[in-house]
């Protein structure tokens, strides 16, 4: 049926994790679907990696459950993990073996992986020219790509990447972003990415979930999340401090940013003429008025209070 609801690839139901009396993950519930790149955001120490470790079975839940393609991580762990490819923290490889030998060694642990499939993933991550060199000669970025190839060998329907851009140069980050988009769209893979590079997450992700102090603040599309921040307008003037004080005193508006020759306000566009009239009547010379696009980083700091540590 065309209108049939899409089945989620990953479901978290009331997932909680405690260490002693301390609750580090507090009742997380959300869904991730095939064909999307889902970004998992939060300040350092918010619980992102702990959640990912529970999804891939490296850490037990205190309460709740996680389902991967309908298989419970608690009750049907083996079937759940067959659906998953993951790089959690830095990929570990045998440095005395070549990249190809590492992939062959890993392939032997999983039934049905052919030499052709190994060749496919090597090509996908663009390691064809270096795959027969020993891993000890690889840069960190190359090891990241080899780890990605390993995670993709068994055709997972869920791909989980914790800080996947570590060690990649700008071209490598660009290539990875394009590859993940293509993988999610073409293969219907649910890609889950955790990263502190918010500018990249803005370009890479379809939806994001934000976690702070172990609690989920919300799950939205990137565009929805940024639009909720409202409009931000920059006024370029002859005296930024004086103009900012004028709008505070006359209009009870609190500027977000005050510069020598400008200030910014979060206001609806229909209020711009009122601000302009007030400034002109107060003796301020106005040289420009422009909307300022809020970045994912701006909005993230706004929602989380700008705190990068718990």
C-alpha atoms as a PDB file:
ATOM      1  CA  UNK A   1       0.000   0.000   0.000  1.00  0.00           C
ATOM      2  CA  UNK A   2       1.325   3.441  -0.908  1.00  0.00           C
ATOM      3  CA  UNK A   3       0.151   4.994   2.371  1.00  0.00           C
ATOM      4  CA  UNK A   4       1.361   2.156   4.579  1.00  0.00           C
ATOM      5  CA  UNK A   5       3.469   3.487   7.493  1.00  0.00           C
ATOM      6  CA  UNK A   6       7.193   3.007   7.069  1.00  0.00           C
ATOM      7  CA  UNK A   7       8.659   0.358   9.346  1.00  0.00           C
ATOM      8  CA  UNK A   8      11.454   1.732  11.563  1.00  0.00           C
ATOM      9  CA  UNK A   9      14.885   0.152  11.320  1.00  0.00           C
ATOM     10  CA  UNK A  10      15.864   1.021  14.914  1.00  0.00           C
ATOM     11  CA  UNK A  11      13.526   1.575  17.847  1.00  0.00           C
ATOM     12  CA  UNK A  12      14.555   2.685  21.332  1.00  0.00           C
ATOM     13  CA  UNK A  13      11.881   2.139  23.991  1.00  0.00           C
ATOM     14  CA  UNK A  14      12.385   3.781  27.402  1.00  0.00           C
ATOM     15  CA  UNK A  15      16.112   3.018  27.374  1.00  0.00           C
ATOM     16  CA  UNK A  16      17.760   3.830  30.698  1.00  0.00           C
ATOM     17  CA  UNK A  17      21.321   3.283  31.905  1.00  0.00           C
ATOM     18  CA  UNK A  18      22.538   3.693  35.464  1.00  0.00           C
ATOM     19  CA  UNK A  19      25.995   3.412  36.948  1.00  0.00           C
ATOM     20  CA  UNK A  20      25.301   2.823  40.612  1.00  0.00           C
ATOM     21  CA  UNK A  21      22.871   5.523  41.648  1.00  0.00           C
ATOM     22  CA  UNK A  22      23.768   7.848  38.779  1.00  0.00           C
ATOM     23  CA  UNK A  23      21.406   7.855  35.785  1.00  0.00           C
ATOM     24  CA  UNK A  24      23.445   8.589  32.649  1.00  0.00           C
ATOM     25  CA  UNK A  25      20.721   7.713  30.103  1.00  0.00           C
ATOM     26  CA  UNK A  26      17.212   8.648  31.160  1.00  0.00           C
ATOM     27  CA  UNK A  27      14.217   7.046  29.419  1.00  0.00           C
ATOM     28  CA  UNK A  28      15.208   7.493  25.757  1.00  0.00           C
ATOM     29  CA  UNK A  29      12.527   6.630  23.181  1.00  0.00           C
ATOM     30  CA  UNK A  30      12.796   7.368  19.449  1.00  0.00           C
ATOM     31  CA  UNK A  31      12.787   5.688  16.015  1.00  0.00           C
ATOM     32  CA  UNK A  32      15.207   5.707  13.086  1.00  0.00           C
ATOM     33  CA  UNK A  33      14.162   4.725   9.564  1.00  0.00           C
ATOM     34  CA  UNK A  34      15.858   3.110   6.581  1.00  0.00           C
ATOM     35  CA  UNK A  35      16.899   5.559   3.885  1.00  0.00           C
ATOM     36  CA  UNK A  36      17.845   8.375   6.247  1.00  0.00           C
ATOM     37  CA  UNK A  37      21.016   9.731   7.807  1.00  0.00           C
ATOM     38  CA  UNK A  38      20.218  10.331  11.465  1.00  0.00           C
ATOM     39  CA  UNK A  39      22.471  12.607  13.506  1.00  0.00           C
ATOM     40  CA  UNK A  40      22.889  12.058  17.223  1.00  0.00           C
ATOM     41  CA  UNK A  41      23.911  15.343  18.861  1.00  0.00           C
ATOM     42  CA  UNK A  42      24.740  16.432  22.366  1.00  0.00           C
ATOM     43  CA  UNK A  43      27.388  18.175  24.474  1.00  0.00           C
ATOM     44  CA  UNK A  44      30.416  16.169  25.577  1.00  0.00           C
ATOM     45  CA  UNK A  45      29.364  13.741  28.294  1.00  0.00           C
ATOM     46  CA  UNK A  46      25.673  13.919  27.364  1.00  0.00           C
ATOM     47  CA  UNK A  47      25.427  10.160  26.749  1.00  0.00           C
ATOM     48  CA  UNK A  48      25.768   9.795  22.963  1.00  0.00           C
ATOM     49  CA  UNK A  49      28.486   7.144  22.988  1.00  0.00           C
ATOM     50  CA  UNK A  50      26.832   5.304  25.892  1.00  0.00           C
ATOM     51  CA  UNK A  51      23.618   5.086  23.852  1.00  0.00           C
ATOM     52  CA  UNK A  52      25.466   3.874  20.769  1.00  0.00           C
ATOM     53  CA  UNK A  53      27.299   1.254  22.831  1.00  0.00           C
ATOM     54  CA  UNK A  54      23.935  -0.046  24.068  1.00  0.00           C
ATOM     55  CA  UNK A  55      22.534  -0.158  20.519  1.00  0.00           C
ATOM     56  CA  UNK A  56      25.439  -2.338  19.352  1.00  0.00           C
ATOM     57  CA  UNK A  57      25.403  -4.510  22.477  1.00  0.00           C
ATOM     58  CA  UNK A  58      28.692  -3.347  23.985  1.00  0.00           C
ATOM     59  CA  UNK A  59      26.881  -2.159  27.110  1.00  0.00           C
ATOM     60  CA  UNK A  60      23.786  -3.501  28.854  1.00  0.00           C
ATOM     61  CA  UNK A  61      20.668  -1.432  29.420  1.00  0.00           C
ATOM     62  CA  UNK A  62      19.453  -0.988  32.972  1.00  0.00           C
ATOM     63  CA  UNK A  63      15.881  -0.693  31.735  1.00  0.00           C
ATOM     64  CA  UNK A  64      14.011  -0.522  28.426  1.00  0.00           C
ATOM     65  CA  UNK A  65      14.748  -2.233  25.108  1.00  0.00           C
ATOM     66  CA  UNK A  66      16.189  -1.623  21.659  1.00  0.00           C
ATOM     67  CA  UNK A  67      14.882  -3.267  18.485  1.00  0.00           C
ATOM     68  CA  UNK A  68      16.847  -3.509  15.235  1.00  0.00           C
ATOM     69  CA  UNK A  69      14.699  -4.518  12.252  1.00  0.00           C
ATOM     70  CA  UNK A  70      12.243  -5.929  14.783  1.00  0.00           C
ATOM     71  CA  UNK A  71      14.816  -8.023  16.664  1.00  0.00           C
ATOM     72  CA  UNK A  72      15.315  -7.272  20.342  1.00  0.00           C
ATOM     73  CA  UNK A  73      18.890  -6.513  21.395  1.00  0.00           C
ATOM     74  CA  UNK A  74      18.015  -8.065  24.761  1.00  0.00           C
ATOM     75  CA  UNK A  75      16.120 -11.145  23.596  1.00  0.00           C
ATOM     76  CA  UNK A  76      17.484 -11.886  20.116  1.00  0.00           C
ATOM     77  CA  UNK A  77      20.949 -10.358  20.178  1.00  0.00           C
ATOM     78  CA  UNK A  78      22.503 -12.406  17.381  1.00  0.00           C
ATOM     79  CA  UNK A  79      19.762 -11.640  14.850  1.00  0.00           C
ATOM     80  CA  UNK A  80      19.738  -7.963  15.852  1.00  0.00           C
ATOM     81  CA  UNK A  81      23.494  -7.622  15.357  1.00  0.00           C
ATOM     82  CA  UNK A  82      23.383  -9.292  11.941  1.00  0.00           C
ATOM     83  CA  UNK A  83      21.622  -6.148  10.745  1.00  0.00           C
ATOM     84  CA  UNK A  84      24.309  -3.780  12.044  1.00  0.00           C
ATOM     85  CA  UNK A  85      27.629  -2.442  10.798  1.00  0.00           C
ATOM     86  CA  UNK A  86      29.412  -0.095  13.178  1.00  0.00           C
ATOM     87  CA  UNK A  87      32.519   1.924  13.935  1.00  0.00           C
ATOM     88  CA  UNK A  88      32.466   2.886  17.599  1.00  0.00           C
ATOM     89  CA  UNK A  89      35.433   5.100  18.492  1.00  0.00           C
ATOM     90  CA  UNK A  90      38.591   4.299  16.459  1.00  0.00           C
ATOM     91  CA  UNK A  91      38.511   1.189  14.235  1.00  0.00           C
ATOM     92  CA  UNK A  92      41.024  -1.399  15.438  1.00  0.00           C
ATOM     93  CA  UNK A  93      43.003  -3.210  12.737  1.00  0.00           C
ATOM     94  CA  UNK A  94      45.973  -5.568  12.585  1.00  0.00           C
ATOM     95  CA  UNK A  95      48.709  -3.121  11.663  1.00  0.00           C
ATOM     96  CA  UNK A  96      51.139  -5.852  10.499  1.00  0.00           C
ATOM     97  CA  UNK A  97      48.615  -7.025   7.876  1.00  0.00           C
ATOM     98  CA  UNK A  98      47.624  -5.234   4.693  1.00  0.00           C
ATOM     99  CA  UNK A  99      44.264  -3.554   4.393  1.00  0.00           C
ATOM    100  CA  UNK A 100      43.077  -6.371   2.144  1.00  0.00           C
ATOM    101  CA  UNK A 101      44.275  -9.054   4.558  1.00  0.00           C
ATOM    102  CA  UNK A 102      42.391  -7.336   7.378  1.00  0.00           C
ATOM    103  CA  UNK A 103      39.169  -7.450   5.346  1.00  0.00           C
ATOM    104  CA  UNK A 104      39.703 -11.110   4.419  1.00  0.00           C
ATOM    105  CA  UNK A 105      40.321 -11.967   8.082  1.00  0.00           C
ATOM    106  CA  UNK A 106      37.094 -10.214   9.101  1.00  0.00           C
ATOM    107  CA  UNK A 107      35.147 -11.782   6.215  1.00  0.00           C
ATOM    108  CA  UNK A 108      36.046 -15.277   7.449  1.00  0.00           C
ATOM    109  CA  UNK A 109      34.024 -14.608  10.612  1.00  0.00           C
ATOM    110  CA  UNK A 110      30.832 -13.982   8.644  1.00  0.00           C
ATOM    111  CA  UNK A 111      29.288 -16.573   6.293  1.00  0.00           C
ATOM    112  CA  UNK A 112      28.680 -15.656   2.684  1.00  0.00           C
ATOM    113  CA  UNK A 113      31.115 -12.790   2.063  1.00  0.00           C
ATOM    114  CA  UNK A 114      32.790 -13.249  -1.318  1.00  0.00           C
ATOM    115  CA  UNK A 115      36.006 -11.834  -2.767  1.00  0.00           C
ATOM    116  CA  UNK A 116      33.791  -9.814  -5.088  1.00  0.00           C
ATOM    117  CA  UNK A 117      32.093  -8.184  -2.096  1.00  0.00           C
ATOM    118  CA  UNK A 118      35.467  -7.308  -0.583  1.00  0.00           C
ATOM    119  CA  UNK A 119      36.424  -5.668  -3.876  1.00  0.00           C
ATOM    120  CA  UNK A 120      33.136  -3.728  -3.911  1.00  0.00           C
ATOM    121  CA  UNK A 121      33.622  -2.177  -0.477  1.00  0.00           C
ATOM    122  CA  UNK A 122      37.285  -1.369  -1.193  1.00  0.00           C
ATOM    123  CA  UNK A 123      36.129   0.557  -4.254  1.00  0.00           C
ATOM    124  CA  UNK A 124      33.301   2.227  -2.328  1.00  0.00           C
ATOM    125  CA  UNK A 125      35.700   3.717   0.236  1.00  0.00           C
ATOM    126  CA  UNK A 126      38.304   4.578  -2.421  1.00  0.00           C
ATOM    127  CA  UNK A 127      41.172   2.464  -1.085  1.00  0.00           C
ATOM    128  CA  UNK A 128      41.938   0.551  -4.274  1.00  0.00           C
ATOM    129  CA  UNK A 129      45.417   2.051  -4.696  1.00  0.00           C
ATOM    130  CA  UNK A 130      46.510   1.434  -1.091  1.00  0.00           C
ATOM    131  CA  UNK A 131      44.594  -1.702  -0.053  1.00  0.00           C
ATOM    132  CA  UNK A 132      47.643  -3.983  -0.429  1.00  0.00           C
ATOM    133  CA  UNK A 133      49.844  -1.843   1.817  1.00  0.00           C
ATOM    134  CA  UNK A 134      50.286  -2.688   5.505  1.00  0.00           C
ATOM    135  CA  UNK A 135      47.903  -0.827   7.791  1.00  0.00           C
ATOM    136  CA  UNK A 136      50.809   0.525   9.864  1.00  0.00           C
ATOM    137  CA  UNK A 137      51.553   2.791   6.866  1.00  0.00           C
ATOM    138  CA  UNK A 138      47.984   4.134   6.771  1.00  0.00           C
ATOM    139  CA  UNK A 139      47.038   7.597   7.973  1.00  0.00           C
ATOM    140  CA  UNK A 140      44.236   7.880  10.528  1.00  0.00           C
ATOM    141  CA  UNK A 141      41.854   8.874   7.737  1.00  0.00           C
ATOM    142  CA  UNK A 142      42.769   5.790   5.712  1.00  0.00           C
ATOM    143  CA  UNK A 143      42.178   3.574   8.749  1.00  0.00           C
ATOM    144  CA  UNK A 144      38.778   5.230   9.140  1.00  0.00           C
ATOM    145  CA  UNK A 145      37.937   4.319   5.545  1.00  0.00           C
ATOM    146  CA  UNK A 146      39.169   0.755   6.035  1.00  0.00           C
ATOM    147  CA  UNK A 147      37.001   0.511   9.149  1.00  0.00           C
ATOM    148  CA  UNK A 148      34.026   1.720   7.116  1.00  0.00           C
ATOM    149  CA  UNK A 149      34.741  -0.945   4.482  1.00  0.00           C
ATOM    150  CA  UNK A 150      34.817  -3.585   7.219  1.00  0.00           C
ATOM    151  CA  UNK A 151      31.514  -2.365   8.661  1.00  0.00           C
ATOM    152  CA  UNK A 152      29.858  -2.611   5.232  1.00  0.00           C
ATOM    153  CA  UNK A 153      31.090  -6.077   4.246  1.00  0.00           C
ATOM    154  CA  UNK A 154      27.976  -7.996   5.316  1.00  0.00           C
ATOM    155  CA  UNK A 155      25.428  -5.616   3.705  1.00  0.00           C
ATOM    156  CA  UNK A 156      24.083  -4.166   6.989  1.00  0.00           C
ATOM    157  CA  UNK A 157      20.692  -2.455   6.993  1.00  0.00           C
ATOM    158  CA  UNK A 158      21.825  -0.224   9.881  1.00  0.00           C
ATOM    159  CA  UNK A 159      25.201   1.560   9.834  1.00  0.00           C
ATOM    160  CA  UNK A 160      26.385   3.239  13.048  1.00  0.00           C
ATOM    161  CA  UNK A 161      29.331   5.646  12.963  1.00  0.00           C
ATOM    162  CA  UNK A 162      30.699   7.354  16.081  1.00  0.00           C
ATOM    163  CA  UNK A 163      32.833  10.365  15.063  1.00  0.00           C
ATOM    164  CA  UNK A 164      33.404   9.025  11.508  1.00  0.00           C
ATOM    165  CA  UNK A 165      35.205  12.157  10.264  1.00  0.00           C
ATOM    166  CA  UNK A 166      38.074  11.897  12.768  1.00  0.00           C
ATOM    167  CA  UNK A 167      41.364  12.189  10.906  1.00  0.00           C
ATOM    168  CA  UNK A 168      39.774  12.922   7.530  1.00  0.00           C
ATOM    169  CA  UNK A 169      40.879  15.912   5.488  1.00  0.00           C
ATOM    170  CA  UNK A 170      38.208  18.224   3.967  1.00  0.00           C
ATOM    171  CA  UNK A 171      38.074  16.184   0.748  1.00  0.00           C
ATOM    172  CA  UNK A 172      37.719  12.970   2.745  1.00  0.00           C
ATOM    173  CA  UNK A 173      34.883  14.453   4.808  1.00  0.00           C
ATOM    174  CA  UNK A 174      33.144  15.625   1.619  1.00  0.00           C
ATOM    175  CA  UNK A 175      33.503  12.177   0.035  1.00  0.00           C
ATOM    176  CA  UNK A 176      32.214  10.422   3.159  1.00  0.00           C
ATOM    177  CA  UNK A 177      29.193  12.715   3.331  1.00  0.00           C
ATOM    178  CA  UNK A 178      28.304  12.013  -0.298  1.00  0.00           C
ATOM    179  CA  UNK A 179      28.828   8.298   0.176  1.00  0.00           C
ATOM    180  CA  UNK A 180      26.564   8.115   3.244  1.00  0.00           C
ATOM    181  CA  UNK A 181      23.835  10.045   1.419  1.00  0.00           C
ATOM    182  CA  UNK A 182      24.111   7.674  -1.539  1.00  0.00           C
ATOM    183  CA  UNK A 183      24.188   4.587   0.677  1.00  0.00           C
ATOM    184  CA  UNK A 184      21.081   5.602   2.600  1.00  0.00           C
ATOM    185  CA  UNK A 185      19.106   6.519  -0.545  1.00  0.00           C
ATOM    186  CA  UNK A 186      20.251   3.743  -2.890  1.00  0.00           C
ATOM    187  CA  UNK A 187      20.432   0.841  -0.440  1.00  0.00           C
ATOM    188  CA  UNK A 188      17.788   2.001   2.046  1.00  0.00           C
ATOM    189  CA  UNK A 189      20.321   1.785   4.881  1.00  0.00           C
ATOM    190  CA  UNK A 190      19.594   3.578   8.155  1.00  0.00           C
ATOM    191  CA  UNK A 191      22.774   5.546   8.885  1.00  0.00           C
ATOM    192  CA  UNK A 192      23.310   6.793  12.448  1.00  0.00           C
ATOM    193  CA  UNK A 193      26.084   9.339  12.905  1.00  0.00           C
ATOM    194  CA  UNK A 194      27.431  10.906  16.073  1.00  0.00           C
ATOM    195  CA  UNK A 195      29.837  13.814  15.642  1.00  0.00           C
ATOM    196  CA  UNK A 196      30.937  17.041  17.317  1.00  0.00           C
ATOM    197  CA  UNK A 197      31.413  18.726  13.900  1.00  0.00           C
ATOM    198  CA  UNK A 198      28.027  20.433  13.732  1.00  0.00           C
ATOM    199  CA  UNK A 199      28.711  22.140  10.410  1.00  0.00           C
ATOM    200  CA  UNK A 200      29.179  18.690   8.868  1.00  0.00           C
ATOM    201  CA  UNK A 201      26.111  17.271  10.609  1.00  0.00           C
ATOM    202  CA  UNK A 202      24.067  20.092   9.114  1.00  0.00           C
ATOM    203  CA  UNK A 203      25.125  19.021   5.616  1.00  0.00           C
ATOM    204  CA  UNK A 204      25.094  15.278   6.264  1.00  0.00           C
ATOM    205  CA  UNK A 205      21.898  14.530   8.207  1.00  0.00           C
ATOM    206  CA  UNK A 206      18.208  14.314   7.342  1.00  0.00           C
ATOM    207  CA  UNK A 207      17.032  14.237  10.963  1.00  0.00           C
ATOM    208  CA  UNK A 208      18.724  14.848  14.283  1.00  0.00           C
ATOM    209  CA  UNK A 209      18.121  13.791  17.862  1.00  0.00           C
ATOM    210  CA  UNK A 210      19.548  15.968  20.606  1.00  0.00           C
ATOM    211  CA  UNK A 211      20.488  14.525  23.978  1.00  0.00           C
ATOM    212  CA  UNK A 212      21.569  16.474  27.058  1.00  0.00           C
ATOM    213  CA  UNK A 213      22.412  15.028  30.469  1.00  0.00           C
ATOM    214  CA  UNK A 214      21.055  11.688  29.291  1.00  0.00           C
ATOM    215  CA  UNK A 215      17.629  13.044  28.306  1.00  0.00           C
ATOM    216  CA  UNK A 216      16.238  13.442  24.797  1.00  0.00           C
ATOM    217  CA  UNK A 217      15.447  17.085  24.014  1.00  0.00           C
ATOM    218  CA  UNK A 218      13.776  16.247  20.704  1.00  0.00           C
ATOM    219  CA  UNK A 219      13.953  14.582  17.278  1.00  0.00           C
ATOM    220  CA  UNK A 220      13.356  16.708  14.176  1.00  0.00           C
ATOM    221  CA  UNK A 221      14.470  17.258  10.618  1.00  0.00           C
ATOM    222  CA  UNK A 222      17.478  19.563  10.379  1.00  0.00           C
ATOM    223  CA  UNK A 223      15.394  22.230   8.603  1.00  0.00           C
ATOM    224  CA  UNK A 224      12.607  22.110  11.218  1.00  0.00           C
ATOM    225  CA  UNK A 225      15.078  22.392  14.060  1.00  0.00           C
ATOM    226  CA  UNK A 226      16.799  25.427  12.563  1.00  0.00           C
ATOM    227  CA  UNK A 227      13.538  27.154  11.590  1.00  0.00           C
ATOM    228  CA  UNK A 228      12.322  26.978  15.177  1.00  0.00           C
ATOM    229  CA  UNK A 229      15.151  29.288  16.136  1.00  0.00           C
ATOM    230  CA  UNK A 230      13.215  32.131  14.496  1.00  0.00           C
ATOM    231  CA  UNK A 231      14.491  34.892  12.247  1.00  0.00           C
ATOM    232  CA  UNK A 232      17.712  36.707  13.080  1.00  0.00           C
ATOM    233  CA  UNK A 233      18.307  40.151  11.583  1.00  0.00           C
ATOM    234  CA  UNK A 234      21.528  42.174  11.495  1.00  0.00           C
ATOM    235  CA  UNK A 235      21.419  45.983  11.521  1.00  0.00           C
ATOM    236  CA  UNK A 236      24.621  47.672  10.319  1.00  0.00           C
ATOM    237  CA  UNK A 237      24.812  51.115  11.933  1.00  0.00           C
ATOM    238  CA  UNK A 238      27.221  53.915  12.821  1.00  0.00           C
ATOM    239  CA  UNK A 239      27.302  52.981  16.543  1.00  0.00           C
ATOM    240  CA  UNK A 240      26.371  49.410  17.481  1.00  0.00           C
ATOM    241  CA  UNK A 241      26.375  49.894  21.253  1.00  0.00           C
ATOM    242  CA  UNK A 242      24.225  53.044  21.123  1.00  0.00           C
ATOM    243  CA  UNK A 243      21.753  51.465  18.670  1.00  0.00           C
ATOM    244  CA  UNK A 244      21.483  48.310  20.798  1.00  0.00           C
ATOM    245  CA  UNK A 245      20.723  50.414  23.870  1.00  0.00           C
ATOM    246  CA  UNK A 246      18.044  52.316  21.946  1.00  0.00           C
ATOM    247  CA  UNK A 247      16.117  49.149  20.994  1.00  0.00           C
ATOM    248  CA  UNK A 248      16.446  47.922  24.592  1.00  0.00           C
ATOM    249  CA  UNK A 249      15.096  51.154  26.061  1.00  0.00           C
ATOM    250  CA  UNK A 250      12.433  52.010  23.462  1.00  0.00           C
ATOM    251  CA  UNK A 251      11.245  48.579  22.294  1.00  0.00           C
ATOM    252  CA  UNK A 252      12.269  46.248  25.165  1.00  0.00           C
ATOM    253  CA  UNK A 253      14.180  44.089  22.664  1.00  0.00           C
ATOM    254  CA  UNK A 254      17.381  42.377  23.769  1.00  0.00           C
ATOM    255  CA  UNK A 255      20.057  42.165  21.021  1.00  0.00           C
ATOM    256  CA  UNK A 256      21.718  38.771  20.573  1.00  0.00           C
ATOM    257  CA  UNK A 257      25.028  40.234  19.411  1.00  0.00           C
ATOM    258  CA  UNK A 258      26.479  43.741  19.657  1.00  0.00           C
ATOM    259  CA  UNK A 259      29.437  44.797  17.510  1.00  0.00           C
ATOM    260  CA  UNK A 260      31.156  48.140  16.942  1.00  0.00           C
ATOM    261  CA  UNK A 261      29.161  48.832  13.787  1.00  0.00           C
ATOM    262  CA  UNK A 262      26.229  46.389  14.044  1.00  0.00           C
ATOM    263  CA  UNK A 263      23.869  44.438  16.261  1.00  0.00           C
ATOM    264  CA  UNK A 264      21.589  41.433  15.756  1.00  0.00           C
ATOM    265  CA  UNK A 265      18.021  40.793  16.867  1.00  0.00           C
ATOM    266  CA  UNK A 266      15.800  37.708  16.801  1.00  0.00           C
ATOM    267  CA  UNK A 267      12.593  39.268  15.479  1.00  0.00           C
ATOM    268  CA  UNK A 268       9.826  38.634  12.977  1.00  0.00           C
ATOM    269  CA  UNK A 269      10.375  40.404   9.654  1.00  0.00           C
ATOM    270  CA  UNK A 270       7.211  42.504  10.031  1.00  0.00           C
ATOM    271  CA  UNK A 271       8.830  44.213  13.056  1.00  0.00           C
ATOM    272  CA  UNK A 272      11.865  45.420  11.071  1.00  0.00           C
ATOM    273  CA  UNK A 273      10.234  48.773  10.021  1.00  0.00           C
ATOM    274  CA  UNK A 274       9.423  49.521  13.685  1.00  0.00           C
ATOM    275  CA  UNK A 275      13.062  48.972  14.659  1.00  0.00           C
ATOM    276  CA  UNK A 276      14.297  51.096  11.748  1.00  0.00           C
ATOM    277  CA  UNK A 277      11.938  53.975  12.621  1.00  0.00           C
ATOM    278  CA  UNK A 278      12.970  53.841  16.281  1.00  0.00           C
ATOM    279  CA  UNK A 279      16.672  53.907  15.423  1.00  0.00           C
ATOM    280  CA  UNK A 280      16.327  56.786  12.926  1.00  0.00           C
ATOM    281  CA  UNK A 281      14.279  58.839  15.403  1.00  0.00           C
ATOM    282  CA  UNK A 282      16.976  58.178  17.988  1.00  0.00           C
ATOM    283  CA  UNK A 283      19.688  59.597  15.739  1.00  0.00           C
ATOM    284  CA  UNK A 284      21.221  56.326  14.532  1.00  0.00           C
ATOM    285  CA  UNK A 285      22.441  56.121  10.925  1.00  0.00           C
ATOM    286  CA  UNK A 286      21.528  52.784   9.304  1.00  0.00           C
ATOM    287  CA  UNK A 287      23.730  51.387   6.531  1.00  0.00           C
ATOM    288  CA  UNK A 288      22.176  47.983   6.069  1.00  0.00           C
ATOM    289  CA  UNK A 289      19.536  45.503   7.234  1.00  0.00           C
ATOM    290  CA  UNK A 290      19.915  41.807   6.393  1.00  0.00           C
ATOM    291  CA  UNK A 291      18.605  38.460   7.533  1.00  0.00           C
ATOM    292  CA  UNK A 292      21.181  36.147   9.084  1.00  0.00           C
ATOM    293  CA  UNK A 293      20.869  32.429   8.477  1.00  0.00           C
ATOM    294  CA  UNK A 294      21.189  30.538  11.726  1.00  0.00           C
ATOM    295  CA  UNK A 295      23.573  27.593  11.579  1.00  0.00           C
ATOM    296  CA  UNK A 296      22.987  24.223  13.214  1.00  0.00           C
ATOM    297  CA  UNK A 297      25.739  25.140  15.668  1.00  0.00           C
ATOM    298  CA  UNK A 298      23.962  28.396  16.624  1.00  0.00           C
ATOM    299  CA  UNK A 299      20.670  26.594  17.174  1.00  0.00           C
ATOM    300  CA  UNK A 300      22.321  23.718  19.044  1.00  0.00           C
ATOM    301  CA  UNK A 301      24.027  26.104  21.469  1.00  0.00           C
ATOM    302  CA  UNK A 302      20.753  27.963  21.892  1.00  0.00           C
ATOM    303  CA  UNK A 303      18.863  24.780  22.833  1.00  0.00           C
ATOM    304  CA  UNK A 304      21.561  23.278  25.054  1.00  0.00           C
ATOM    305  CA  UNK A 305      22.429  26.538  26.783  1.00  0.00           C
ATOM    306  CA  UNK A 306      25.869  26.691  25.174  1.00  0.00           C
ATOM    307  CA  UNK A 307      27.314  24.169  27.596  1.00  0.00           C
ATOM    308  CA  UNK A 308      29.731  21.697  26.064  1.00  0.00           C
ATOM    309  CA  UNK A 309      30.289  19.672  29.259  1.00  0.00           C
ATOM    310  CA  UNK A 310      28.001  18.235  31.909  1.00  0.00           C
END
